[in-house]
């Protein structure tokens, strides 16, 4: 993602910017005649239901194709959850993750320049949180390890020069990670720490250290361990930690897990960079590592994929051992394999992550090593090499039945480019398609700077149509679940000048909530109007800034745990 400025077309590489196990069948006993009749009846019922579902899906597929020409009017509502009732009507809240990537490498998003004063760095970050709140996002993905460095005081990595402006290992005098997380949580946004595992430096052309060891910080681990160091490409290249050396892999894992151990992160996030994207015909120079650590694997491509699989599997297991509630997810390149190569691949003709960067993304999902996956579907609807409208169903089928949530990486950075990206509603059409697939439970936009730029008014358009109200992230069944008891509300007061309503209350007994949701009765349902982080105060307040002008408004409050599992609503309270 930090490399999304790279664009390739033609050949076997399509336009891009950064770039199931089966077991033995169980033995079945012969049922008695009565059981057999019941079983046959049930089977016929299932077949009828499957046929009906097939017709519905066929119609959905046709409507998805039609969305290339227009936005489906009925697709503006996200999947919703109902926690209970408020004043006799059900509470309902959209359930989808909404977020943007905040990129630090090359100072793309934040900080805007190297070596800025602490006050300016903080002010810029708060500006991004302001934007997230304005757009009703509920998470941010912040680049904290762009290339073997760190945005926190680390025992494993030097300070990032994208922050400090220097590669001398000297820190800025404060802890950006701790401060960012506190400020992000204060606004009830999730903080996903975004790491690049194997990058050791950035190219010299991008103002990085390149492949010059003397340009690395004195405490950079690739100085102390030259045997872990790989240069690629050989000309104008950069350093990588060698994924094929077990000690290097463990060190990289430890360096990222340090942040999980020390900080209150909500998620650990990787992008599409593991083995580097190929540069011409030059191969990644890891012959020695393959000879020494092949684990009996004969094919180098299979070995490289296994190296990446081991990193993903081990990180998944180790994160949950440290903090079971922390989410782990990856945003891979959008094509696993093309159907022309593998009949189980997608209807596409582009670079294949499985074959060319050794990322077996489908296995990560099937093995349930991930809590979520965010494929980078950075192509327009109708693109001949990778049609968004065809790639999306491939991914929904891939996650179906796994419990791995599917969020889509949206290409805000492409708005305004020639062709279909000149259409201000291209992203709106894509979000409309997303909502025709219940497997899609969120979107992440690349990147913050492009979201803020709002070229062609595209962000304003999709925010109005799809992000007009707050949303709760979809809960994950594999994470710990402790829904809080119903809160106790004590007052609801309308400001006579602004019309806003402030509800006051406290958490119920039992498990302490992480957050609260405020609902307002609106006809035959109670709609979500605000969310807030729990403060632990006896008199916490929740504000409805858009309360209707009528004589009264009725509210309920629910509590949510760390995994967004929702408890029962409070008793209703009415503001005059």
Protein backbone atom coordinates (compact mmCIF):
# COMPACT_ATOMS: atom_id res chain seq x y z
CA UNK A 1 0.00 0.00 0.00
CA UNK A 2 2.85 2.31 0.62
CA UNK A 3 3.82 1.36 -2.92
CA UNK A 4 0.46 2.05 -4.53
CA UNK A 5 2.13 4.77 -6.57
CA UNK A 6 3.45 1.93 -8.80
CA UNK A 7 1.15 1.23 -11.74
CA UNK A 8 1.55 -1.56 -14.28
CA UNK A 9 -0.59 -2.39 -17.27
CA UNK A 10 -0.41 -4.89 -20.07
CA UNK A 11 1.13 -8.32 -20.30
CA UNK A 12 0.33 -10.52 -17.36
CA UNK A 13 0.30 -7.65 -14.92
CA UNK A 14 -2.83 -5.62 -14.50
CA UNK A 15 -3.21 -2.07 -13.27
CA UNK A 16 -2.39 -1.95 -9.58
CA UNK A 17 -1.24 0.54 -7.07
CA UNK A 18 0.99 -0.84 -4.21
CA UNK A 19 0.77 -3.15 -5.61
CA UNK A 20 -9.52 -25.56 2.74
CA UNK A 21 -8.44 -28.53 4.07
CA UNK A 22 -10.60 -31.59 3.58
CA UNK A 23 -10.72 -34.60 5.84
CA UNK A 24 -12.09 -38.13 5.54
CA UNK A 25 -15.82 -38.42 5.12
CA UNK A 26 -17.54 -39.54 8.34
CA UNK A 27 -18.94 -43.07 8.47
CA UNK A 28 -22.75 -42.99 8.28
CA UNK A 29 -24.94 -45.59 10.00
CA UNK A 30 -28.00 -46.90 8.15
CA UNK A 31 -31.07 -45.15 9.55
CA UNK A 32 -34.26 -46.95 10.45
CA UNK A 33 -37.12 -46.66 7.95
CA UNK A 34 -38.81 -43.81 9.86
CA UNK A 35 -35.50 -41.97 10.12
CA UNK A 36 -34.89 -42.55 6.42
CA UNK A 37 -38.25 -41.00 5.49
CA UNK A 38 -37.50 -38.01 7.69
CA UNK A 39 -34.07 -37.66 6.15
CA UNK A 40 -35.48 -37.84 2.59
CA UNK A 41 -38.11 -35.24 3.42
CA UNK A 42 -35.48 -32.93 4.92
CA UNK A 43 -33.24 -33.42 1.88
CA UNK A 44 -36.05 -32.49 -0.52
CA UNK A 45 -36.76 -29.38 1.58
CA UNK A 46 -33.11 -28.37 1.44
CA UNK A 47 -33.01 -28.86 -2.34
CA UNK A 48 -36.06 -26.62 -2.74
CA UNK A 49 -34.45 -23.96 -0.56
CA UNK A 50 -31.19 -24.22 -2.52
CA UNK A 51 -33.08 -23.79 -5.77
CA UNK A 52 -34.84 -20.72 -4.43
CA UNK A 53 -31.55 -19.33 -3.15
CA UNK A 54 -30.01 -19.96 -6.58
CA UNK A 55 -32.77 -17.96 -8.27
CA UNK A 56 -32.28 -15.15 -5.78
CA UNK A 57 -28.52 -15.18 -6.32
CA UNK A 58 -29.04 -15.24 -10.12
CA UNK A 59 -31.20 -12.18 -9.80
CA UNK A 60 -28.60 -10.60 -7.53
CA UNK A 61 -25.86 -11.30 -10.06
CA UNK A 62 -27.92 -9.67 -12.78
CA UNK A 63 -28.58 -6.64 -10.62
CA UNK A 64 -24.84 -6.51 -9.85
CA UNK A 65 -24.11 -6.31 -13.57
CA UNK A 66 -26.72 -3.61 -13.95
CA UNK A 67 -24.94 -1.62 -11.27
CA UNK A 68 -22.23 -0.89 -13.80
CA UNK A 69 -24.64 1.54 -15.38
CA UNK A 70 -26.37 2.91 -12.30
CA UNK A 71 -26.35 2.69 -8.52
CA UNK A 72 -28.94 0.30 -7.05
CA UNK A 73 -31.40 2.41 -5.12
CA UNK A 74 -31.99 -0.34 -2.56
CA UNK A 75 -28.31 -0.88 -1.79
CA UNK A 76 -27.72 2.19 0.35
CA UNK A 77 -28.41 0.43 3.65
CA UNK A 78 -25.65 -1.55 5.34
CA UNK A 79 -26.33 -4.79 7.17
CA UNK A 80 -27.97 -3.94 10.49
CA UNK A 81 -28.08 -5.47 13.94
CA UNK A 82 -30.90 -5.41 16.47
CA UNK A 83 -29.94 -5.46 20.14
CA UNK A 84 -33.41 -5.24 21.64
CA UNK A 85 -36.27 -2.79 21.87
CA UNK A 86 -36.59 0.82 22.93
CA UNK A 87 -40.00 2.19 23.86
CA UNK A 88 -41.62 -0.78 22.15
CA UNK A 89 -39.72 -0.60 18.84
CA UNK A 90 -36.54 -2.46 17.79
CA UNK A 91 -33.15 -0.79 17.99
CA UNK A 92 -31.28 -0.96 14.69
CA UNK A 93 -27.71 -0.02 13.81
CA UNK A 94 -25.70 -0.36 10.58
CA UNK A 95 -22.96 -2.94 11.04
CA UNK A 96 -19.92 -2.26 8.87
CA UNK A 97 -16.32 -1.20 9.33
CA UNK A 98 -15.50 2.17 7.75
CA UNK A 99 -11.92 3.36 7.73
CA UNK A 100 -9.00 4.90 5.88
CA UNK A 101 -5.30 4.11 5.76
CA UNK A 102 -3.01 6.79 7.21
CA UNK A 103 0.34 6.31 5.48
CA UNK A 104 3.62 7.47 7.00
CA UNK A 105 6.09 6.22 4.38
CA UNK A 106 7.32 9.01 2.10
CA UNK A 107 5.22 11.28 4.33
CA UNK A 108 2.27 10.57 2.05
CA UNK A 109 -0.37 11.29 4.71
CA UNK A 110 1.19 11.79 8.11
CA UNK A 111 3.38 13.39 9.28
CA UNK A 112 3.37 15.74 6.29
CA UNK A 113 7.14 16.25 6.55
CA UNK A 114 10.10 14.71 8.33
CA UNK A 115 11.28 16.20 11.61
CA UNK A 116 8.21 18.31 12.44
CA UNK A 117 7.74 19.64 15.99
CA UNK A 118 5.69 17.48 18.33
CA UNK A 119 2.81 19.98 18.41
CA UNK A 120 2.47 19.98 14.63
CA UNK A 121 2.67 16.20 14.36
CA UNK A 122 -0.11 15.93 16.93
CA UNK A 123 -2.24 18.61 15.30
CA UNK A 124 -2.00 16.87 11.93
CA UNK A 125 -3.03 13.54 13.40
CA UNK A 126 -5.99 15.09 15.18
CA UNK A 127 -7.01 16.53 11.82
CA UNK A 128 -7.20 13.03 10.39
CA UNK A 129 -9.34 11.92 13.33
CA UNK A 130 -11.60 14.93 12.71
CA UNK A 131 -12.03 13.78 9.11
CA UNK A 132 -12.74 10.20 10.20
CA UNK A 133 -15.46 11.38 12.55
CA UNK A 134 -16.96 13.72 9.97
CA UNK A 135 -17.32 10.79 7.55
CA UNK A 136 -18.74 8.49 10.26
CA UNK A 137 -15.75 6.16 10.11
CA UNK A 138 -15.19 3.86 13.07
CA UNK A 139 -11.51 2.90 12.61
CA UNK A 140 -8.15 4.13 11.36
CA UNK A 141 -5.23 2.08 10.01
CA UNK A 142 -1.99 3.83 10.95
CA UNK A 143 1.40 3.01 9.41
CA UNK A 144 3.67 2.44 12.41
CA UNK A 145 6.38 0.17 10.90
CA UNK A 146 6.95 1.22 7.29
CA UNK A 147 10.43 -0.30 6.81
CA UNK A 148 12.11 -2.01 9.73
CA UNK A 149 11.56 1.08 11.90
CA UNK A 150 9.06 2.11 14.55
CA UNK A 151 6.75 4.91 15.66
CA UNK A 152 7.25 3.85 19.29
CA UNK A 153 10.27 3.37 21.55
CA UNK A 154 11.30 -0.14 20.50
CA UNK A 155 13.92 -2.61 21.61
CA UNK A 156 13.83 -4.16 18.13
CA UNK A 157 13.82 -1.25 15.68
CA UNK A 158 15.15 2.30 15.30
CA UNK A 159 12.88 5.31 15.34
CA UNK A 160 11.30 6.02 11.96
CA UNK A 161 12.99 8.86 10.14
CA UNK A 162 9.64 9.68 8.51
CA UNK A 163 8.85 11.02 11.99
CA UNK A 164 12.17 12.22 13.40
CA UNK A 165 13.80 13.38 10.16
CA UNK A 166 17.02 11.53 11.05
CA UNK A 167 18.38 8.00 10.90
CA UNK A 168 20.45 8.29 14.06
CA UNK A 169 18.32 6.16 16.38
CA UNK A 170 17.41 9.15 18.54
CA UNK A 171 13.75 9.46 19.50
CA UNK A 172 11.49 12.52 19.40
CA UNK A 173 11.16 12.78 23.18
CA UNK A 174 7.60 11.49 23.37
CA UNK A 175 5.66 8.30 22.62
CA UNK A 176 3.57 8.79 19.46
CA UNK A 177 1.98 5.34 19.64
CA UNK A 178 0.63 5.76 23.17
CA UNK A 179 -0.65 9.25 22.38
CA UNK A 180 -2.27 8.25 19.06
CA UNK A 181 -4.10 5.31 20.59
CA UNK A 182 -5.42 7.40 23.49
CA UNK A 183 -6.70 10.11 21.14
CA UNK A 184 -8.19 7.57 18.71
CA UNK A 185 -10.01 5.70 21.45
CA UNK A 186 -11.28 8.94 22.96
CA UNK A 187 -13.28 9.34 19.74
CA UNK A 188 -14.42 5.71 19.86
CA UNK A 189 -12.43 4.77 16.77
CA UNK A 190 -10.50 1.51 16.49
CA UNK A 191 -6.73 1.79 16.13
CA UNK A 192 -5.24 -0.77 13.75
CA UNK A 193 -1.44 -0.76 13.86
CA UNK A 194 -0.16 -1.23 10.30
CA UNK A 195 3.17 -3.03 9.89
CA UNK A 196 5.38 -3.93 6.93
CA UNK A 197 7.07 -7.12 8.17
CA UNK A 198 10.04 -7.67 5.87
CA UNK A 199 11.00 -4.28 4.50
CA UNK A 200 14.32 -3.12 5.91
CA UNK A 201 14.70 0.20 4.11
CA UNK A 202 13.18 2.42 1.46
CA UNK A 203 14.86 3.16 -1.90
CA UNK A 204 17.32 6.01 -1.98
CA UNK A 205 15.21 7.63 -4.70
CA UNK A 206 12.41 7.86 -2.13
CA UNK A 207 14.78 9.50 0.39
CA UNK A 208 15.40 6.22 2.16
CA UNK A 209 18.60 4.38 3.02
CA UNK A 210 18.40 2.28 -0.13
CA UNK A 211 20.91 -0.57 -0.12
CA UNK A 212 23.64 1.41 1.70
CA UNK A 213 24.20 -0.10 5.12
CA UNK A 214 25.98 3.07 6.22
CA UNK A 215 22.72 4.98 5.76
CA UNK A 216 20.87 2.76 8.24
CA UNK A 217 20.42 3.91 11.82
CA UNK A 218 23.23 2.71 14.11
CA UNK A 219 20.81 0.41 15.98
CA UNK A 220 19.12 -1.01 12.88
CA UNK A 221 18.97 -4.82 13.22
CA UNK A 222 20.22 -5.36 9.66
CA UNK A 223 23.52 -3.79 10.71
CA UNK A 224 23.86 -6.32 13.54
CA UNK A 225 22.67 -9.22 11.38
CA UNK A 226 24.05 -8.90 7.86
CA UNK A 227 23.19 -12.56 7.30
CA UNK A 228 19.47 -11.59 7.39
CA UNK A 229 19.95 -8.86 4.81
CA UNK A 230 18.83 -9.18 1.19
CA UNK A 231 19.19 -6.45 -1.43
CA UNK A 232 16.53 -6.28 -4.14
CA UNK A 233 16.60 -5.25 -6.89
CA UNK A 234 20.35 -5.16 -7.41
CA UNK A 235 20.17 -1.68 -8.97
CA UNK A 236 18.49 1.15 -7.05
CA UNK A 237 17.21 -1.42 -4.57
CA UNK A 238 16.47 -1.63 -0.89
CA UNK A 239 17.08 -4.00 2.01
CA UNK A 240 14.73 -6.78 3.07
CA UNK A 241 14.75 -9.14 6.03
CA UNK A 242 15.16 -12.57 4.43
CA UNK A 243 11.80 -14.37 4.85
CA UNK A 244 13.54 -17.74 4.42
CA UNK A 245 15.71 -17.50 7.54
CA UNK A 246 13.79 -18.72 10.62
CA UNK A 247 15.68 -16.47 13.04
CA UNK A 248 14.90 -13.42 10.90
CA UNK A 249 11.22 -14.37 10.78
CA UNK A 250 11.05 -14.77 14.55
CA UNK A 251 12.79 -11.44 15.07
CA UNK A 252 10.36 -9.68 12.75
CA UNK A 253 7.42 -11.25 14.60
CA UNK A 254 8.88 -10.22 17.97
CA UNK A 255 9.38 -6.65 16.79
CA UNK A 256 5.71 -6.32 15.86
CA UNK A 257 4.36 -8.22 18.84
CA UNK A 258 6.24 -5.80 21.08
CA UNK A 259 3.64 -3.20 20.08
CA UNK A 260 0.79 -5.59 20.85
CA UNK A 261 2.26 -6.28 24.27
CA UNK A 262 2.95 -2.65 25.16
CA UNK A 263 -0.01 -0.82 23.63
CA UNK A 264 -3.80 -0.99 23.57
CA UNK A 265 -4.08 -1.65 19.82
CA UNK A 266 -7.34 -2.98 18.39
CA UNK A 267 -5.76 -4.69 15.41
CA UNK A 268 -2.53 -5.83 13.77
CA UNK A 269 -2.55 -5.10 10.06
CA UNK A 270 -0.29 -6.06 7.13
CA UNK A 271 -0.59 -4.81 3.58
CA UNK A 272 0.44 -6.60 0.37
CA UNK A 273 4.23 -6.55 0.86
CA UNK A 274 5.90 -9.83 1.83
CA UNK A 275 8.24 -10.96 -0.93
CA UNK A 276 8.77 -7.95 -3.21
CA UNK A 277 6.95 -7.44 -6.47
CA UNK A 278 9.16 -8.73 -9.32
CA UNK A 279 11.50 -6.30 -11.05
CA UNK A 280 11.88 -7.43 -14.64
CA UNK A 281 13.49 -10.86 -14.86
CA UNK A 282 15.59 -10.46 -11.72
CA UNK A 283 14.90 -13.11 -9.08
CA UNK A 284 14.96 -12.46 -5.35
CA UNK A 285 18.46 -13.63 -4.27
CA UNK A 286 17.73 -16.24 -1.61
CA UNK A 287 19.49 -19.34 -2.95
CA UNK A 288 21.61 -19.76 0.17
CA UNK A 289 18.62 -19.54 2.50
CA UNK A 290 16.73 -22.06 0.35
CA UNK A 291 19.65 -24.48 0.50
CA UNK A 292 19.98 -24.14 4.27
CA UNK A 293 16.34 -23.91 5.38
CA UNK A 294 14.17 -25.61 2.75
CA UNK A 295 12.46 -27.97 5.26
CA UNK A 296 12.43 -30.65 2.58
CA UNK A 297 10.42 -28.51 0.17
CA UNK A 298 11.80 -29.05 -3.36
CA UNK A 299 10.22 -26.16 -5.25
CA UNK A 300 11.46 -22.69 -4.34
CA UNK A 301 8.09 -21.08 -5.07
CA UNK A 302 6.35 -23.50 -2.69
CA UNK A 303 9.03 -22.82 -0.10
CA UNK A 304 8.59 -19.05 -0.38
CA UNK A 305 4.83 -19.40 0.01
CA UNK A 306 5.37 -21.60 3.03
CA UNK A 307 7.69 -18.99 4.54
CA UNK A 308 4.95 -16.38 4.27
CA UNK A 309 2.33 -18.83 5.52
CA UNK A 310 4.46 -19.53 8.59
CA UNK A 311 4.70 -15.81 9.35
CA UNK A 312 0.93 -15.36 9.02
CA UNK A 313 0.08 -18.48 11.04
CA UNK A 314 2.57 -17.73 13.81
CA UNK A 315 1.50 -14.11 14.08
CA UNK A 316 -2.13 -15.18 14.32
CA UNK A 317 -1.40 -17.64 17.11
CA UNK A 318 0.95 -15.35 19.03
CA UNK A 319 -1.33 -12.32 18.90
CA UNK A 320 -4.20 -14.31 20.40
CA UNK A 321 -1.90 -15.70 23.10
CA UNK A 322 -1.01 -12.16 24.16
CA UNK A 323 -4.40 -10.44 23.73
CA UNK A 324 -7.25 -12.63 22.46
CA UNK A 325 -9.37 -9.63 21.50
CA UNK A 326 -6.84 -8.05 19.12
CA UNK A 327 -7.86 -8.50 15.48
CA UNK A 328 -5.40 -9.69 12.86
CA UNK A 329 -5.89 -8.96 9.19
CA UNK A 330 -4.12 -8.44 5.89
CA UNK A 331 -4.80 -6.29 2.83
CA UNK A 332 -3.40 -8.32 -0.07
CA UNK A 333 -3.15 -7.62 -3.77
CA UNK A 334 -6.61 -8.25 -5.21
CA UNK A 335 -5.85 -11.27 -7.43
CA UNK A 336 -5.03 -14.63 -5.84
CA UNK A 337 -4.72 -16.49 -9.17
CA UNK A 338 -6.28 -16.06 -12.60
CA UNK A 339 -8.76 -18.66 -13.83
CA UNK A 340 -6.52 -19.13 -16.86
CA UNK A 341 -3.86 -20.48 -14.49
CA UNK A 342 -6.09 -22.18 -11.94
CA UNK A 343 -9.76 -23.01 -12.51
CA UNK A 344 -10.46 -21.92 -8.93
CA UNK A 345 -9.01 -18.48 -9.63
CA UNK A 346 -10.85 -15.29 -10.54
CA UNK A 347 -12.01 -14.13 -13.95
CA UNK A 348 -8.98 -11.86 -14.34
CA UNK A 349 -5.78 -11.50 -16.33
CA UNK A 350 -3.30 -9.82 -14.04
CA UNK A 351 -0.42 -10.29 -11.65
CA UNK A 352 -1.05 -13.30 -9.43
CA UNK A 353 -0.18 -12.88 -5.77
CA UNK A 354 0.18 -16.65 -5.34
CA UNK A 355 2.75 -17.04 -8.11
CA UNK A 356 4.65 -13.76 -8.26
CA UNK A 357 4.81 -12.44 -4.69
CA UNK A 358 4.22 -15.83 -2.98
CA UNK A 359 1.13 -14.71 -1.04
CA UNK A 360 -1.36 -17.60 -0.82
CA UNK A 361 -4.16 -15.37 0.34
CA UNK A 362 -6.87 -18.00 -0.08
CA UNK A 363 -5.11 -20.37 2.29
CA UNK A 364 -4.93 -17.66 4.96
CA UNK A 365 -8.70 -17.37 4.79
CA UNK A 366 -9.43 -21.10 4.60
CA UNK A 367 -7.17 -21.85 7.56
CA UNK A 368 -8.85 -19.02 9.50
CA UNK A 369 -5.52 -17.48 10.44
CA UNK A 370 -7.08 -14.06 9.85
CA UNK A 371 -9.97 -12.28 11.50
CA UNK A 372 -10.50 -10.17 8.39
CA UNK A 373 -9.08 -9.72 4.90
CA UNK A 374 -9.07 -6.48 2.87
CA UNK A 375 -8.32 -7.29 -0.79
CA UNK A 376 -7.16 -4.26 -2.72
CA UNK A 377 -9.78 -4.08 -5.47
CA UNK A 378 -8.29 -1.01 -7.08
CA UNK A 379 -9.91 -1.46 -10.48
CA UNK A 380 -12.96 0.14 -12.00
CA UNK A 381 -16.18 -1.64 -12.81
CA UNK A 382 -15.72 -3.03 -16.31
CA UNK A 383 -11.88 -3.04 -16.34
CA UNK A 384 -10.97 -5.78 -18.80
CA UNK A 385 -8.09 -7.36 -16.86
CA UNK A 386 -9.74 -7.26 -13.43
CA UNK A 387 -13.35 -6.10 -13.34
CA UNK A 388 -14.39 -4.91 -9.88
CA UNK A 389 -17.83 -6.43 -10.46
CA UNK A 390 -16.22 -9.85 -11.12
CA UNK A 391 -13.47 -9.71 -8.49
CA UNK A 392 -15.91 -8.89 -5.69
CA UNK A 393 -17.98 -12.10 -6.00
CA UNK A 394 -14.79 -14.18 -6.13
CA UNK A 395 -13.77 -12.79 -2.77
CA UNK A 396 -17.21 -13.15 -1.22
CA UNK A 397 -17.21 -16.82 -2.24
CA UNK A 398 -13.72 -17.21 -0.77
CA UNK A 399 -14.70 -15.99 2.71
CA UNK A 400 -18.14 -17.63 2.77
CA UNK A 401 -18.50 -19.98 5.72
CA UNK A 402 -15.05 -19.24 7.17
CA UNK A 403 -15.93 -16.57 9.75
CA UNK A 404 -13.24 -14.34 8.23
CA UNK A 405 -14.74 -10.92 7.63
CA UNK A 406 -14.38 -9.34 4.19
CA UNK A 407 -13.60 -5.64 3.98
CA UNK A 408 -12.78 -4.09 0.62
CA UNK A 409 -9.79 -1.85 -0.10
CA UNK A 410 -11.23 1.10 -2.05
CA UNK A 411 -9.10 3.13 -4.48
CA UNK A 412 -9.90 6.72 -3.57
CA UNK A 413 -6.45 7.62 -4.89
CA UNK A 414 -7.50 6.79 -8.45
CA UNK A 415 -10.41 9.22 -8.67
CA UNK A 416 -9.79 11.68 -11.50
CA UNK A 417 -7.58 9.39 -13.58
CA UNK A 418 -8.44 9.00 -17.25
CA UNK A 419 -11.25 6.66 -18.20
CA UNK A 420 -13.97 5.45 -15.82
CA UNK A 421 -12.19 7.07 -12.86
CA UNK A 422 -13.24 10.42 -14.33
CA UNK A 423 -16.76 9.47 -13.27
CA UNK A 424 -17.46 11.03 -9.86
CA UNK A 425 -19.72 8.10 -8.93
CA UNK A 426 -17.28 5.24 -9.65
CA UNK A 427 -16.63 4.64 -5.95
CA UNK A 428 -20.33 5.06 -5.15
CA UNK A 429 -21.15 2.34 -7.65
CA UNK A 430 -18.56 0.09 -6.02
CA UNK A 431 -19.97 0.65 -2.54
CA UNK A 432 -23.43 -0.10 -3.95
CA UNK A 433 -22.13 -3.41 -5.30
CA UNK A 434 -20.54 -4.18 -1.94
CA UNK A 435 -23.91 -3.92 -0.27
CA UNK A 436 -25.47 -6.48 -2.58
CA UNK A 437 -23.12 -9.03 -0.98
CA UNK A 438 -23.83 -9.72 2.72
CA UNK A 439 -20.32 -11.18 3.08
CA UNK A 440 -18.87 -7.67 2.69
CA UNK A 441 -18.82 -6.06 6.13
CA UNK A 442 -16.69 -2.98 5.55
CA UNK A 443 -14.45 -0.79 3.42
CA UNK A 444 -11.04 0.79 3.94
CA UNK A 445 -10.10 3.77 1.75
CA UNK A 446 -6.63 4.49 0.38
CA UNK A 447 -5.53 6.86 1.58
CA UNK A 448 -6.27 9.66 4.04
CA UNK A 449 -4.82 12.38 1.83
CA UNK A 450 -6.98 11.27 -1.08
CA UNK A 451 -10.08 11.04 1.08
CA UNK A 452 -9.48 14.59 2.25
CA UNK A 453 -8.87 15.83 -1.32
CA UNK A 454 -12.38 14.69 -2.34
CA UNK A 455 -11.55 14.91 -6.04
CA UNK A 456 -14.60 15.33 -8.28
CA UNK A 457 -16.68 15.42 -5.10
CA UNK A 458 -16.53 11.61 -5.07
CA UNK A 459 -16.04 11.33 -1.31
CA UNK A 460 -18.85 13.78 -0.59
CA UNK A 461 -21.09 11.73 -2.88
CA UNK A 462 -20.42 8.31 -1.36
CA UNK A 463 -20.37 9.64 2.18
CA UNK A 464 -23.84 11.13 1.68
CA UNK A 465 -25.24 7.96 0.16
CA UNK A 466 -23.52 5.30 2.30
CA UNK A 467 -21.97 6.86 5.40
CA UNK A 468 -24.69 9.35 6.35
CA UNK A 469 -25.17 7.92 9.84
CA UNK A 470 -22.88 6.27 12.41
CA UNK A 471 -22.21 2.54 12.18
CA UNK A 472 -20.93 -0.16 14.51
CA UNK A 473 -18.23 -2.55 13.27
CA UNK A 474 -19.60 -6.04 12.72
CA UNK A 475 -18.88 -8.28 15.70
CA UNK A 476 -16.56 -11.26 15.19
CA UNK A 477 -17.78 -14.54 16.64
CA UNK A 478 -14.23 -15.88 17.10
CA UNK A 479 -13.28 -13.05 19.49
CA UNK A 480 -14.15 -12.90 23.22
CA UNK A 481 -17.76 -11.93 23.90
CA UNK A 482 -18.98 -10.27 27.09
CA UNK A 483 -22.02 -8.12 26.22
CA UNK A 484 -22.52 -5.53 28.98
CA UNK A 485 -25.65 -5.20 31.06
CA UNK A 486 -28.20 -2.55 30.15
CA UNK A 487 -26.98 0.95 31.09
CA UNK A 488 -28.91 3.14 33.50
CA UNK A 489 -30.07 6.49 32.07
CA UNK A 490 -30.93 9.29 34.47
CA UNK A 491 -31.64 12.40 32.40
CA UNK A 492 -32.32 13.67 28.88
CA UNK A 493 -32.15 17.42 28.36
CA UNK A 494 -32.67 19.47 25.19
CA UNK A 495 -30.61 22.64 24.70
CA UNK A 496 -33.19 25.34 23.93
CA UNK A 497 -30.77 27.22 21.65
CA UNK A 498 -29.10 24.46 19.61
CA UNK A 499 -31.79 21.81 19.86
CA UNK A 500 -29.24 19.12 20.73
CA UNK A 501 -30.21 16.54 23.31
CA UNK A 502 -27.82 15.33 26.01
CA UNK A 503 -28.58 12.00 27.68
CA UNK A 504 -26.87 11.24 30.99
CA UNK A 505 -26.37 7.84 32.57
CA UNK A 506 -23.93 5.17 33.65
CA UNK A 507 -22.96 1.59 32.94
CA UNK A 508 -25.07 -1.22 34.33
CA UNK A 509 -23.79 -3.82 36.75
CA UNK A 510 -21.50 -6.60 35.63
CA UNK A 511 -18.92 -6.48 32.85
CA UNK A 512 -17.72 -2.96 32.13
CA UNK A 513 -18.54 -1.71 28.62
CA UNK A 514 -15.87 -0.48 26.23
CA UNK A 515 -18.30 1.79 24.38
CA UNK A 516 -21.89 2.97 24.32
CA UNK A 517 -24.43 3.42 21.52
CA UNK A 518 -27.19 6.04 21.68
CA UNK A 519 -30.49 5.26 19.93
CA UNK A 520 -33.41 7.59 19.16
CA UNK A 521 -36.94 6.35 18.49
CA UNK A 522 -37.85 7.19 14.91
CA UNK A 523 -41.24 5.82 13.88
CA UNK A 524 -41.25 2.03 13.93
CA UNK A 525 -37.61 1.67 14.99
CA UNK A 526 -34.94 3.21 17.19
CA UNK A 527 -31.98 4.35 15.08
CA UNK A 528 -28.32 4.71 16.04
CA UNK A 529 -27.44 8.40 16.39
CA UNK A 530 -24.09 8.39 18.25
CA UNK A 531 -21.40 6.19 19.78
CA UNK A 532 -19.00 7.07 22.57
CA UNK A 533 -16.10 5.44 24.38
CA UNK A 534 -16.88 4.43 27.94
CA UNK A 535 -15.14 6.73 30.41
CA UNK A 536 -16.05 4.91 33.62
CA UNK A 537 -17.64 8.08 34.95
CA UNK A 538 -20.80 7.83 37.02
CA UNK A 539 -22.41 10.52 34.88
CA UNK A 540 -21.35 9.81 31.30
CA UNK A 541 -23.12 11.86 28.65
CA UNK A 542 -24.22 11.04 25.12
CA UNK A 543 -25.20 13.77 22.68
CA UNK A 544 -27.69 13.70 19.81
CA UNK A 545 -26.47 16.64 17.74
CA UNK A 546 -29.19 16.16 15.12
CA UNK A 547 -32.21 15.72 17.35
CA UNK A 548 -35.52 16.38 15.57
CA UNK A 549 -37.31 19.63 16.27
CA UNK A 550 -40.51 17.97 17.53
CA UNK A 551 -41.82 18.42 21.06
CA UNK A 552 -40.23 15.22 22.39
CA UNK A 553 -37.56 12.68 21.54
CA UNK A 554 -37.14 9.27 23.18
CA UNK A 555 -33.80 7.54 23.67
CA UNK A 556 -32.18 4.32 24.84
CA UNK A 557 -28.50 3.49 25.40
CA UNK A 558 -26.69 0.17 24.97
CA UNK A 559 -23.25 -0.97 26.07
CA UNK A 560 -20.72 -2.71 23.81
CA UNK A 561 -17.74 -4.87 24.70
CA UNK A 562 -14.28 -4.69 23.14
CA UNK A 563 -15.39 -6.89 20.24
CA UNK A 564 -18.53 -4.80 19.54
CA UNK A 565 -20.94 -7.33 21.02
CA UNK A 566 -23.95 -5.34 22.17
CA UNK A 567 -25.90 -5.68 25.39
CA UNK A 568 -29.57 -4.97 26.01
CA UNK A 569 -30.87 -1.38 25.82
CA UNK A 570 -31.52 0.80 28.82
CA UNK A 571 -35.00 1.82 29.84
CA UNK A 572 -36.27 4.58 27.51
CA UNK A 573 -36.00 8.21 28.48
CA UNK A 574 -37.70 11.19 26.84
CA UNK A 575 -36.40 14.71 26.33
CA UNK A 576 -39.02 17.48 26.11
